[in-house]
PDB file of N, CA and C in Angstrom:
ATOM      1  N   MET A   1       0.841  -1.175   0.000  1.00  0.00           N
ATOM      2  CA  MET A   1       0.000   0.000   0.000  1.00  0.00           C
ATOM      3  C   MET A   1       0.889   1.241   0.000  1.00  0.00           C
ATOM      4  N   ASN A   2       0.463   2.247  -0.760  1.00  0.00           N
ATOM      5  CA  ASN A   2       1.139   3.541  -0.790  1.00  0.00           C
ATOM      6  C   ASN A   2       0.102   4.630  -0.574  1.00  0.00           C
ATOM      7  N   VAL A   3       0.512   5.731   0.031  1.00  0.00           N
ATOM      8  CA  VAL A   3      -0.391   6.864   0.244  1.00  0.00           C
ATOM      9  C   VAL A   3       0.335   8.163  -0.080  1.00  0.00           C
ATOM     10  N   LYS A   4      -0.445   9.167  -0.497  1.00  0.00           N
ATOM     11  CA  LYS A   4       0.118  10.482  -0.777  1.00  0.00           C
ATOM     12  C   LYS A   4      -0.947  11.532  -0.506  1.00  0.00           C
ATOM     13  N   ALA A   5      -0.585  12.539   0.267  1.00  0.00           N
ATOM     14  CA  ALA A   5      -1.508  13.654   0.502  1.00  0.00           C
ATOM     15  C   ALA A   5      -1.662  14.437  -0.794  1.00  0.00           C
ATOM     16  N   LEU A   6      -2.907  14.712  -1.184  1.00  0.00           N
ATOM     17  CA  LEU A   6      -3.182  15.481  -2.397  1.00  0.00           C
ATOM     18  C   LEU A   6      -3.404  16.951  -2.091  1.00  0.00           C
ATOM     19  N   ASN A   7      -4.035  17.213  -0.942  1.00  0.00           N
ATOM     20  CA  ASN A   7      -4.296  18.591  -0.524  1.00  0.00           C
ATOM     21  C   ASN A   7      -4.575  18.572   0.976  1.00  0.00           C
ATOM     22  N   SER A   8      -5.228  19.589   1.496  1.00  0.00           N
ATOM     23  CA  SER A   8      -5.423  19.686   2.947  1.00  0.00           C
ATOM     24  C   SER A   8      -6.490  18.739   3.491  1.00  0.00           C
ATOM     25  N   THR A   9      -7.308  18.134   2.628  1.00  0.00           N
ATOM     26  CA  THR A   9      -8.373  17.256   3.122  1.00  0.00           C
ATOM     27  C   THR A   9      -8.481  15.930   2.378  1.00  0.00           C
ATOM     28  N   SER A  10      -7.547  15.642   1.459  1.00  0.00           N
ATOM     29  CA  SER A  10      -7.629  14.418   0.651  1.00  0.00           C
ATOM     30  C   SER A  10      -6.299  13.690   0.564  1.00  0.00           C
ATOM     31  N   VAL A  11      -6.389  12.364   0.528  1.00  0.00           N
ATOM     32  CA  VAL A  11      -5.222  11.498   0.416  1.00  0.00           C
ATOM     33  C   VAL A  11      -5.514  10.450  -0.655  1.00  0.00           C
ATOM     34  N   GLN A  12      -4.544  10.190  -1.537  1.00  0.00           N
ATOM     35  CA  GLN A  12      -4.699   9.125  -2.520  1.00  0.00           C
ATOM     36  C   GLN A  12      -4.041   7.872  -1.969  1.00  0.00           C
ATOM     37  N   VAL A  13      -4.704   6.725  -2.189  1.00  0.00           N
ATOM     38  CA  VAL A  13      -4.227   5.441  -1.684  1.00  0.00           C
ATOM     39  C   VAL A  13      -4.137   4.468  -2.858  1.00  0.00           C
ATOM     40  N   TRP A  14      -3.017   3.730  -2.947  1.00  0.00           N
ATOM     41  CA  TRP A  14      -2.841   2.676  -3.938  1.00  0.00           C
ATOM     42  C   TRP A  14      -2.557   1.384  -3.196  1.00  0.00           C
ATOM     43  N   TRP A  15      -3.057   0.257  -3.729  1.00  0.00           N
ATOM     44  CA  TRP A  15      -2.779  -1.040  -3.126  1.00  0.00           C
ATOM     45  C   TRP A  15      -2.840  -2.125  -4.178  1.00  0.00           C
ATOM     46  N   LYS A  16      -2.197  -3.228  -3.897  1.00  0.00           N
ATOM     47  CA  LYS A  16      -2.244  -4.406  -4.754  1.00  0.00           C
ATOM     48  C   LYS A  16      -3.186  -5.403  -4.094  1.00  0.00           C
ATOM     49  N   PRO A  17      -4.217  -5.852  -4.818  1.00  0.00           N
ATOM     50  CA  PRO A  17      -5.170  -6.803  -4.242  1.00  0.00           C
ATOM     51  C   PRO A  17      -4.489  -8.121  -3.869  1.00  0.00           C
ATOM     52  N   PRO A  18      -5.088  -8.851  -2.922  1.00  0.00           N
ATOM     53  CA  PRO A  18      -4.524 -10.156  -2.555  1.00  0.00           C
ATOM     54  C   PRO A  18      -4.735 -11.162  -3.687  1.00  0.00           C
ATOM     55  N   ASN A  19      -3.929 -12.178  -3.691  1.00  0.00           N
ATOM     56  CA  ASN A  19      -4.093 -13.269  -4.642  1.00  0.00           C
ATOM     57  C   ASN A  19      -5.482 -13.885  -4.439  1.00  0.00           C
ATOM     58  N   PRO A  20      -6.297 -14.005  -5.493  1.00  0.00           N
ATOM     59  CA  PRO A  20      -7.657 -14.550  -5.349  1.00  0.00           C
ATOM     60  C   PRO A  20      -7.703 -15.940  -4.715  1.00  0.00           C
ATOM     61  N   GLN A  21      -6.631 -16.711  -4.854  1.00  0.00           N
ATOM     62  CA  GLN A  21      -6.602 -18.048  -4.253  1.00  0.00           C
ATOM     63  C   GLN A  21      -6.615 -17.997  -2.726  1.00  0.00           C
ATOM     64  N   TYR A  22      -6.205 -16.863  -2.158  1.00  0.00           N
ATOM     65  CA  TYR A  22      -6.131 -16.737  -0.700  1.00  0.00           C
ATOM     66  C   TYR A  22      -7.298 -15.948  -0.101  1.00  0.00           C
ATOM     67  N   VAL A  23      -8.283 -15.597  -0.927  1.00  0.00           N
ATOM     68  CA  VAL A  23      -9.450 -14.856  -0.441  1.00  0.00           C
ATOM     69  C   VAL A  23     -10.511 -15.865  -0.037  1.00  0.00           C
ATOM     70  N   ASN A  24     -11.003 -15.749   1.196  1.00  0.00           N
ATOM     71  CA  ASN A  24     -12.031 -16.659   1.717  1.00  0.00           C
ATOM     72  C   ASN A  24     -13.409 -16.186   1.251  1.00  0.00           C
ATOM     73  N   GLY A  25     -13.890 -16.724   0.139  1.00  0.00           N
ATOM     74  CA  GLY A  25     -15.179 -16.304  -0.411  1.00  0.00           C
ATOM     75  C   GLY A  25     -14.964 -15.429  -1.635  1.00  0.00           C
ATOM     76  N   ILE A  26     -16.005 -14.713  -2.024  1.00  0.00           N
ATOM     77  CA  ILE A  26     -15.938 -13.835  -3.187  1.00  0.00           C
ATOM     78  C   ILE A  26     -15.577 -12.423  -2.725  1.00  0.00           C
ATOM     79  N   ASN A  27     -14.567 -11.847  -3.351  1.00  0.00           N
ATOM     80  CA  ASN A  27     -14.123 -10.504  -2.998  1.00  0.00           C
ATOM     81  C   ASN A  27     -15.255  -9.509  -3.258  1.00  0.00           C
ATOM     82  N   GLN A  28     -15.723  -8.852  -2.203  1.00  0.00           N
ATOM     83  CA  GLN A  28     -16.787  -7.854  -2.312  1.00  0.00           C
ATOM     84  C   GLN A  28     -16.227  -6.441  -2.454  1.00  0.00           C
ATOM     85  N   GLY A  29     -14.939  -6.280  -2.154  1.00  0.00           N
ATOM     86  CA  GLY A  29     -14.323  -4.962  -2.245  1.00  0.00           C
ATOM     87  C   GLY A  29     -13.268  -4.767  -1.187  1.00  0.00           C
ATOM     88  N   TYR A  30     -12.925  -3.486  -1.004  1.00  0.00           N
ATOM     89  CA  TYR A  30     -11.855  -3.116  -0.084  1.00  0.00           C
ATOM     90  C   TYR A  30     -12.340  -2.007   0.842  1.00  0.00           C
ATOM     91  N   LYS A  31     -11.831  -2.007   2.043  1.00  0.00           N
ATOM     92  CA  LYS A  31     -12.116  -0.937   2.997  1.00  0.00           C
ATOM     93  C   LYS A  31     -10.813  -0.206   3.275  1.00  0.00           C
ATOM     94  N   ILE A  32     -10.831   1.083   3.010  1.00  0.00           N
ATOM     95  CA  ILE A  32      -9.703   1.941   3.340  1.00  0.00           C
ATOM     96  C   ILE A  32     -10.066   2.611   4.660  1.00  0.00           C
ATOM     97  N   GLN A  33      -9.216   2.460   5.661  1.00  0.00           N
ATOM     98  CA  GLN A  33      -9.481   3.030   6.985  1.00  0.00           C
ATOM     99  C   GLN A  33      -8.459   4.117   7.287  1.00  0.00           C
ATOM    100  N   ALA A  34      -8.949   5.222   7.811  1.00  0.00           N
ATOM    101  CA  ALA A  34      -8.084   6.322   8.244  1.00  0.00           C
ATOM    102  C   ALA A  34      -8.403   6.595   9.703  1.00  0.00           C
ATOM    103  N   TRP A  35      -7.388   6.688  10.538  1.00  0.00           N
ATOM    104  CA  TRP A  35      -7.640   6.986  11.948  1.00  0.00           C
ATOM    105  C   TRP A  35      -6.523   7.815  12.555  1.00  0.00           C
ATOM    106  N   ARG A  36      -6.943   8.502  13.628  1.00  0.00           N
ATOM    107  CA  ARG A  36      -6.025   9.281  14.469  1.00  0.00           C
ATOM    108  C   ARG A  36      -6.130   8.690  15.856  1.00  0.00           C
ATOM    109  N   GLY A  37      -5.007   8.459  16.481  1.00  0.00           N
ATOM    110  CA  GLY A  37      -5.045   7.867  17.819  1.00  0.00           C
ATOM    111  C   GLY A  37      -5.670   6.483  17.761  1.00  0.00           C
ATOM    112  N   GLU A  38      -6.687   6.264  18.557  1.00  0.00           N
ATOM    113  CA  GLU A  38      -7.348   4.961  18.620  1.00  0.00           C
ATOM    114  C   GLU A  38      -8.669   4.905  17.856  1.00  0.00           C
ATOM    115  N   THR A  39      -9.102   6.029  17.293  1.00  0.00           N
ATOM    116  CA  THR A  39     -10.433   6.113  16.700  1.00  0.00           C
ATOM    117  C   THR A  39     -10.376   6.163  15.179  1.00  0.00           C
ATOM    118  N   VAL A  40     -11.056   5.200  14.522  1.00  0.00           N
ATOM    119  CA  VAL A  40     -11.174   5.242  13.064  1.00  0.00           C
ATOM    120  C   VAL A  40     -12.113   6.389  12.731  1.00  0.00           C
ATOM    121  N   SER A  41     -11.619   7.353  11.954  1.00  0.00           N
ATOM    122  CA  SER A  41     -12.424   8.532  11.659  1.00  0.00           C
ATOM    123  C   SER A  41     -13.020   8.496  10.259  1.00  0.00           C
ATOM    124  N   ARG A  42     -12.545   7.597   9.420  1.00  0.00           N
ATOM    125  CA  ARG A  42     -13.066   7.550   8.055  1.00  0.00           C
ATOM    126  C   ARG A  42     -12.851   6.158   7.491  1.00  0.00           C
ATOM    127  N   ILE A  43     -13.917   5.568   6.900  1.00  0.00           N
ATOM    128  CA  ILE A  43     -13.827   4.294   6.191  1.00  0.00           C
ATOM    129  C   ILE A  43     -14.423   4.506   4.809  1.00  0.00           C
ATOM    130  N   VAL A  44     -13.669   4.121   3.792  1.00  0.00           N
ATOM    131  CA  VAL A  44     -14.138   4.240   2.412  1.00  0.00           C
ATOM    132  C   VAL A  44     -14.171   2.829   1.821  1.00  0.00           C
ATOM    133  N   ALA A  45     -15.325   2.412   1.304  1.00  0.00           N
ATOM    134  CA  ALA A  45     -15.452   1.117   0.642  1.00  0.00           C
ATOM    135  C   ALA A  45     -15.244   1.309  -0.859  1.00  0.00           C
ATOM    136  N   VAL A  46     -14.443   0.429  -1.446  1.00  0.00           N
ATOM    137  CA  VAL A  46     -14.118   0.503  -2.870  1.00  0.00           C
ATOM    138  C   VAL A  46     -14.418  -0.858  -3.497  1.00  0.00           C
ATOM    139  N   PRO A  47     -15.196  -0.901  -4.582  1.00  0.00           N
ATOM    140  CA  PRO A  47     -15.478  -2.189  -5.223  1.00  0.00           C
ATOM    141  C   PRO A  47     -14.225  -2.744  -5.897  1.00  0.00           C
ATOM    142  N   PRO A  48     -14.153  -4.072  -6.063  1.00  0.00           N
ATOM    143  CA  PRO A  48     -13.003  -4.641  -6.771  1.00  0.00           C
ATOM    144  C   PRO A  48     -13.077  -4.292  -8.256  1.00  0.00           C
ATOM    145  N   SER A  49     -11.937  -4.321  -8.917  1.00  0.00           N
ATOM    146  CA  SER A  49     -11.893  -4.060 -10.356  1.00  0.00           C
ATOM    147  C   SER A  49     -12.607  -5.179 -11.098  1.00  0.00           C
ATOM    148  N   LEU A  50     -13.472  -4.821 -12.023  1.00  0.00           N
ATOM    149  CA  LEU A  50     -14.173  -5.818 -12.837  1.00  0.00           C
ATOM    150  C   LEU A  50     -13.317  -6.281 -14.010  1.00  0.00           C
ATOM    151  N   PHE A  51     -12.285  -5.509 -14.339  1.00  0.00           N
ATOM    152  CA  PHE A  51     -11.460  -5.810 -15.504  1.00  0.00           C
ATOM    153  C   PHE A  51     -10.260  -6.683 -15.181  1.00  0.00           C
ATOM    154  N   ASP A  52      -9.637  -6.433 -14.031  1.00  0.00           N
ATOM    155  CA  ASP A  52      -8.435  -7.182 -13.655  1.00  0.00           C
ATOM    156  C   ASP A  52      -8.376  -7.273 -12.136  1.00  0.00           C
ATOM    157  N   SER A  53      -8.715  -8.443 -11.618  1.00  0.00           N
ATOM    158  CA  SER A  53      -8.831  -8.604 -10.156  1.00  0.00           C
ATOM    159  C   SER A  53      -7.503  -8.538  -9.422  1.00  0.00           C
ATOM    160  N   ILE A  54      -6.387  -8.597 -10.138  1.00  0.00           N
ATOM    161  CA  ILE A  54      -5.094  -8.529  -9.452  1.00  0.00           C
ATOM    162  C   ILE A  54      -4.301  -7.269  -9.810  1.00  0.00           C
ATOM    163  N   ALA A  55      -4.909  -6.360 -10.579  1.00  0.00           N
ATOM    164  CA  ALA A  55      -4.233  -5.106 -10.934  1.00  0.00           C
ATOM    165  C   ALA A  55      -4.238  -4.151  -9.744  1.00  0.00           C
ATOM    166  N   LYS A  56      -3.209  -3.313  -9.655  1.00  0.00           N
ATOM    167  CA  LYS A  56      -3.122  -2.309  -8.603  1.00  0.00           C
ATOM    168  C   LYS A  56      -4.363  -1.416  -8.663  1.00  0.00           C
ATOM    169  N   GLN A  57      -4.929  -1.085  -7.515  1.00  0.00           N
ATOM    170  CA  GLN A  57      -6.106  -0.231  -7.443  1.00  0.00           C
ATOM    171  C   GLN A  57      -5.780   1.048  -6.700  1.00  0.00           C
ATOM    172  N   THR A  58      -6.614   2.056  -6.902  1.00  0.00           N
ATOM    173  CA  THR A  58      -6.404   3.342  -6.241  1.00  0.00           C
ATOM    174  C   THR A  58      -7.742   3.995  -5.938  1.00  0.00           C
ATOM    175  N   THR A  59      -7.739   4.846  -4.923  1.00  0.00           N
ATOM    176  CA  THR A  59      -8.908   5.655  -4.595  1.00  0.00           C
ATOM    177  C   THR A  59      -8.420   6.894  -3.853  1.00  0.00           C
ATOM    178  N   VAL A  60      -9.314   7.852  -3.733  1.00  0.00           N
ATOM    179  CA  VAL A  60      -9.012   9.072  -2.984  1.00  0.00           C
ATOM    180  C   VAL A  60      -9.925   9.117  -1.759  1.00  0.00           C
ATOM    181  N   VAL A  61      -9.328   9.291  -0.599  1.00  0.00           N
ATOM    182  CA  VAL A  61     -10.071   9.445   0.647  1.00  0.00           C
ATOM    183  C   VAL A  61     -10.202  10.946   0.893  1.00  0.00           C
ATOM    184  N   THR A  62     -11.445  11.417   1.004  1.00  0.00           N
ATOM    185  CA  THR A  62     -11.701  12.849   1.158  1.00  0.00           C
ATOM    186  C   THR A  62     -12.299  13.150   2.534  1.00  0.00           C
ATOM    187  N   ASN A  63     -12.567  14.418   2.763  1.00  0.00           N
ATOM    188  CA  ASN A  63     -13.185  14.902   4.003  1.00  0.00           C
ATOM    189  C   ASN A  63     -12.358  14.603   5.248  1.00  0.00           C
ATOM    190  N   LEU A  64     -11.044  14.677   5.104  1.00  0.00           N
ATOM    191  CA  LEU A  64     -10.155  14.526   6.251  1.00  0.00           C
ATOM    192  C   LEU A  64      -9.894  15.894   6.863  1.00  0.00           C
ATOM    193  N   GLU A  65      -9.346  15.901   8.060  1.00  0.00           N
ATOM    194  CA  GLU A  65      -9.023  17.158   8.735  1.00  0.00           C
ATOM    195  C   GLU A  65      -7.755  17.764   8.129  1.00  0.00           C
ATOM    196  N   LYS A  66      -7.703  19.074   8.116  1.00  0.00           N
ATOM    197  CA  LYS A  66      -6.558  19.776   7.557  1.00  0.00           C
ATOM    198  C   LYS A  66      -5.305  19.593   8.418  1.00  0.00           C
ATOM    199  N   TYR A  67      -4.175  19.433   7.740  1.00  0.00           N
ATOM    200  CA  TYR A  67      -2.861  19.322   8.361  1.00  0.00           C
ATOM    201  C   TYR A  67      -2.888  18.405   9.587  1.00  0.00           C
ATOM    202  N   THR A  68      -3.343  17.176   9.338  1.00  0.00           N
ATOM    203  CA  THR A  68      -3.517  16.199  10.411  1.00  0.00           C
ATOM    204  C   THR A  68      -2.879  14.877  10.006  1.00  0.00           C
ATOM    205  N   GLU A  69      -2.226  14.200  10.958  1.00  0.00           N
ATOM    206  CA  GLU A  69      -1.634  12.896  10.694  1.00  0.00           C
ATOM    207  C   GLU A  69      -2.691  11.810  10.825  1.00  0.00           C
ATOM    208  N   TYR A  70      -2.709  10.908   9.861  1.00  0.00           N
ATOM    209  CA  TYR A  70      -3.616   9.758   9.859  1.00  0.00           C
ATOM    210  C   TYR A  70      -2.816   8.486   9.617  1.00  0.00           C
ATOM    211  N   ASN A  71      -3.224   7.418  10.268  1.00  0.00           N
ATOM    212  CA  ASN A  71      -2.761   6.084   9.917  1.00  0.00           C
ATOM    213  C   ASN A  71      -3.762   5.558   8.897  1.00  0.00           C
ATOM    214  N   MET A  72      -3.263   4.946   7.825  1.00  0.00           N
ATOM    215  CA  MET A  72      -4.124   4.430   6.773  1.00  0.00           C
ATOM    216  C   MET A  72      -3.859   2.933   6.609  1.00  0.00           C
ATOM    217  N   THR A  73      -4.936   2.159   6.456  1.00  0.00           N
ATOM    218  CA  THR A  73      -4.819   0.734   6.158  1.00  0.00           C
ATOM    219  C   THR A  73      -5.841   0.374   5.090  1.00  0.00           C
ATOM    220  N   VAL A  74      -5.641  -0.785   4.482  1.00  0.00           N
ATOM    221  CA  VAL A  74      -6.595  -1.317   3.515  1.00  0.00           C
ATOM    222  C   VAL A  74      -6.818  -2.794   3.845  1.00  0.00           C
ATOM    223  N   LEU A  75      -8.034  -3.267   3.610  1.00  0.00           N
ATOM    224  CA  LEU A  75      -8.344  -4.687   3.783  1.00  0.00           C
ATOM    225  C   LEU A  75      -9.343  -5.106   2.723  1.00  0.00           C
ATOM    226  N   CYS A  76      -9.330  -6.378   2.407  1.00  0.00           N
ATOM    227  CA  CYS A  76     -10.289  -6.978   1.477  1.00  0.00           C
ATOM    228  C   CYS A  76     -11.438  -7.548   2.308  1.00  0.00           C
ATOM    229  N   PHE A  77     -12.689  -7.347   1.848  1.00  0.00           N
ATOM    230  CA  PHE A  77     -13.795  -7.948   2.578  1.00  0.00           C
ATOM    231  C   PHE A  77     -14.619  -8.847   1.667  1.00  0.00           C
ATOM    232  N   THR A  78     -15.216  -9.893   2.287  1.00  0.00           N
ATOM    233  CA  THR A  78     -16.051 -10.876   1.603  1.00  0.00           C
ATOM    234  C   THR A  78     -17.312 -11.071   2.427  1.00  0.00           C
ATOM    235  N   ASN A  79     -18.233 -11.904   1.942  1.00  0.00           N
ATOM    236  CA  ASN A  79     -19.445 -12.185   2.727  1.00  0.00           C
ATOM    237  C   ASN A  79     -19.132 -12.774   4.098  1.00  0.00           C
ATOM    238  N   PRO A  80     -18.141 -13.696   4.225  1.00  0.00           N
ATOM    239  CA  PRO A  80     -17.819 -14.202   5.559  1.00  0.00           C
ATOM    240  C   PRO A  80     -17.234 -13.162   6.502  1.00  0.00           C
ATOM    241  N   GLY A  81     -16.654 -12.074   5.961  1.00  0.00           N
ATOM    242  CA  GLY A  81     -16.097 -11.052   6.850  1.00  0.00           C
ATOM    243  C   GLY A  81     -14.893 -10.348   6.255  1.00  0.00           C
ATOM    244  N   ASP A  82     -14.257  -9.548   7.097  1.00  0.00           N
ATOM    245  CA  ASP A  82     -13.088  -8.774   6.696  1.00  0.00           C
ATOM    246  C   ASP A  82     -11.835  -9.623   6.733  1.00  0.00           C
ATOM    247  N   GLY A  83     -10.956  -9.387   5.759  1.00  0.00           N
ATOM    248  CA  GLY A  83      -9.650 -10.025   5.758  1.00  0.00           C
ATOM    249  C   GLY A  83      -8.694  -9.248   6.636  1.00  0.00           C
ATOM    250  N   PRO A  84      -7.446  -9.672   6.672  1.00  0.00           N
ATOM    251  CA  PRO A  84      -6.457  -8.964   7.492  1.00  0.00           C
ATOM    252  C   PRO A  84      -6.168  -7.575   6.928  1.00  0.00           C
ATOM    253  N   THR A  85      -5.859  -6.642   7.815  1.00  0.00           N
ATOM    254  CA  THR A  85      -5.521  -5.287   7.378  1.00  0.00           C
ATOM    255  C   THR A  85      -4.046  -5.224   6.986  1.00  0.00           C
ATOM    256  N   SER A  86      -3.750  -4.297   6.112  1.00  0.00           N
ATOM    257  CA  SER A  86      -2.357  -4.053   5.738  1.00  0.00           C
ATOM    258  C   SER A  86      -1.652  -3.382   6.909  1.00  0.00           C
ATOM    259  N   ASN A  87      -0.346  -3.297   6.820  1.00  0.00           N
ATOM    260  CA  ASN A  87       0.393  -2.530   7.815  1.00  0.00           C
ATOM    261  C   ASN A  87       0.005  -1.062   7.674  1.00  0.00           C
ATOM    262  N   PRO A  88      -0.180  -0.355   8.783  1.00  0.00           N
ATOM    263  CA  PRO A  88      -0.566   1.054   8.689  1.00  0.00           C
ATOM    264  C   PRO A  88       0.560   1.920   8.130  1.00  0.00           C
ATOM    265  N   ILE A  89       0.158   2.925   7.378  1.00  0.00           N
ATOM    266  CA  ILE A  89       1.096   3.916   6.853  1.00  0.00           C
ATOM    267  C   ILE A  89       0.649   5.281   7.364  1.00  0.00           C
ATOM    268  N   LEU A  90       1.603   6.041   7.872  1.00  0.00           N
ATOM    269  CA  LEU A  90       1.315   7.367   8.409  1.00  0.00           C
ATOM    270  C   LEU A  90       1.410   8.405   7.302  1.00  0.00           C
ATOM    271  N   VAL A  91       0.400   9.256   7.207  1.00  0.00           N
ATOM    272  CA  VAL A  91       0.385  10.329   6.220  1.00  0.00           C
ATOM    273  C   VAL A  91      -0.194  11.576   6.873  1.00  0.00           C
ATOM    274  N   ARG A  92       0.279  12.729   6.445  1.00  0.00           N
ATOM    275  CA  ARG A  92      -0.251  13.989   6.968  1.00  0.00           C
ATOM    276  C   ARG A  92      -0.891  14.740   5.809  1.00  0.00           C
ATOM    277  N   THR A  93      -2.126  15.200   6.018  1.00  0.00           N
ATOM    278  CA  THR A  93      -2.755  16.053   5.017  1.00  0.00           C
ATOM    279  C   THR A  93      -1.981  17.355   4.938  1.00  0.00           C
ATOM    280  N   GLU A  94      -2.103  18.025   3.814  1.00  0.00           N
ATOM    281  CA  GLU A  94      -1.323  19.240   3.619  1.00  0.00           C
ATOM    282  C   GLU A  94      -1.925  20.420   4.368  1.00  0.00           C
ATOM    283  N   GLU A  95      -1.093  21.450   4.508  1.00  0.00           N
ATOM    284  CA  GLU A  95      -1.525  22.698   5.111  1.00  0.00           C
ATOM    285  C   GLU A  95      -2.174  23.543   4.027  1.00  0.00           C
ATOM    286  N   ASP A  96      -3.224  24.281   4.374  1.00  0.00           N
ATOM    287  CA  ASP A  96      -3.792  25.223   3.413  1.00  0.00           C
ATOM    288  C   ASP A  96      -2.756  26.297   3.157  1.00  0.00           C
ATOM    289  N   SER A  97      -2.573  26.624   1.902  1.00  0.00           N
ATOM    290  CA  SER A  97      -1.626  27.699   1.610  1.00  0.00           C
ATOM    291  C   SER A  97      -2.381  29.008   1.529  1.00  0.00           C
ATOM    292  N   GLU A  98      -1.933  29.946   2.298  1.00  0.00           N
ATOM    293  CA  GLU A  98      -2.539  31.276   2.287  1.00  0.00           C
ATOM    294  C   GLU A  98      -1.530  32.223   1.668  1.00  0.00           C
ATOM    295  N   ARG A  99      -1.936  32.852   0.628  1.00  0.00           N
ATOM    296  CA  ARG A  99      -1.039  33.798  -0.030  1.00  0.00           C
ATOM    297  C   ARG A  99      -1.098  35.138   0.681  1.00  0.00           C
ATOM    298  N   LYS A 100       0.075  35.628   0.995  1.00  0.00           N
ATOM    299  CA  LYS A 100       0.168  36.924   1.645  1.00  0.00           C
ATOM    300  C   LYS A 100       0.879  37.874   0.684  1.00  0.00           C
ATOM    301  N   PHE A 101       0.281  38.966   0.447  1.00  0.00           N
ATOM    302  CA  PHE A 101       0.843  39.940  -0.487  1.00  0.00           C
ATOM    303  C   PHE A 101       1.451  41.095   0.291  1.00  0.00           C
ATOM    304  N   LYS A 102       2.593  41.500  -0.158  1.00  0.00           N
ATOM    305  CA  LYS A 102       3.273  42.619   0.459  1.00  0.00           C
ATOM    306  C   LYS A 102       2.902  43.886  -0.316  1.00  0.00           C
ATOM    307  N   ILE A 103       2.417  44.856   0.386  1.00  0.00           N
ATOM    308  CA  ILE A 103       2.047  46.132  -0.248  1.00  0.00           C
ATOM    309  C   ILE A 103       3.292  46.999  -0.287  1.00  0.00           C
ATOM    310  N   LEU A 104       3.620  47.454  -1.479  1.00  0.00           N
ATOM    311  CA  LEU A 104       4.820  48.294  -1.654  1.00  0.00           C
ATOM    312  C   LEU A 104       4.478  49.749  -1.584  1.00  0.00           C
TER     313      LEU A 104
END
């Protein structure tokens, strides 16, 4: 899994799906989790690719807090339940840039 802050409230996430042979049941999609401290503050569900089930996938997680550190994980889910989560990756949303003009 890779993550990159896009702006002050959005992060792009990329991941490689698990090998279909190791998925217990039919892959229903992926859950991207973002949390601060002990509390998950955002979960985004993403459907699996219909074209290539093992191709790298990506999504954008929005509505995050400005200039805030989040741990991000991804997991595959099926009808029997959630699979194991990836190792968390720490990312910080960007700071809003405020332009200050100097009056001459």
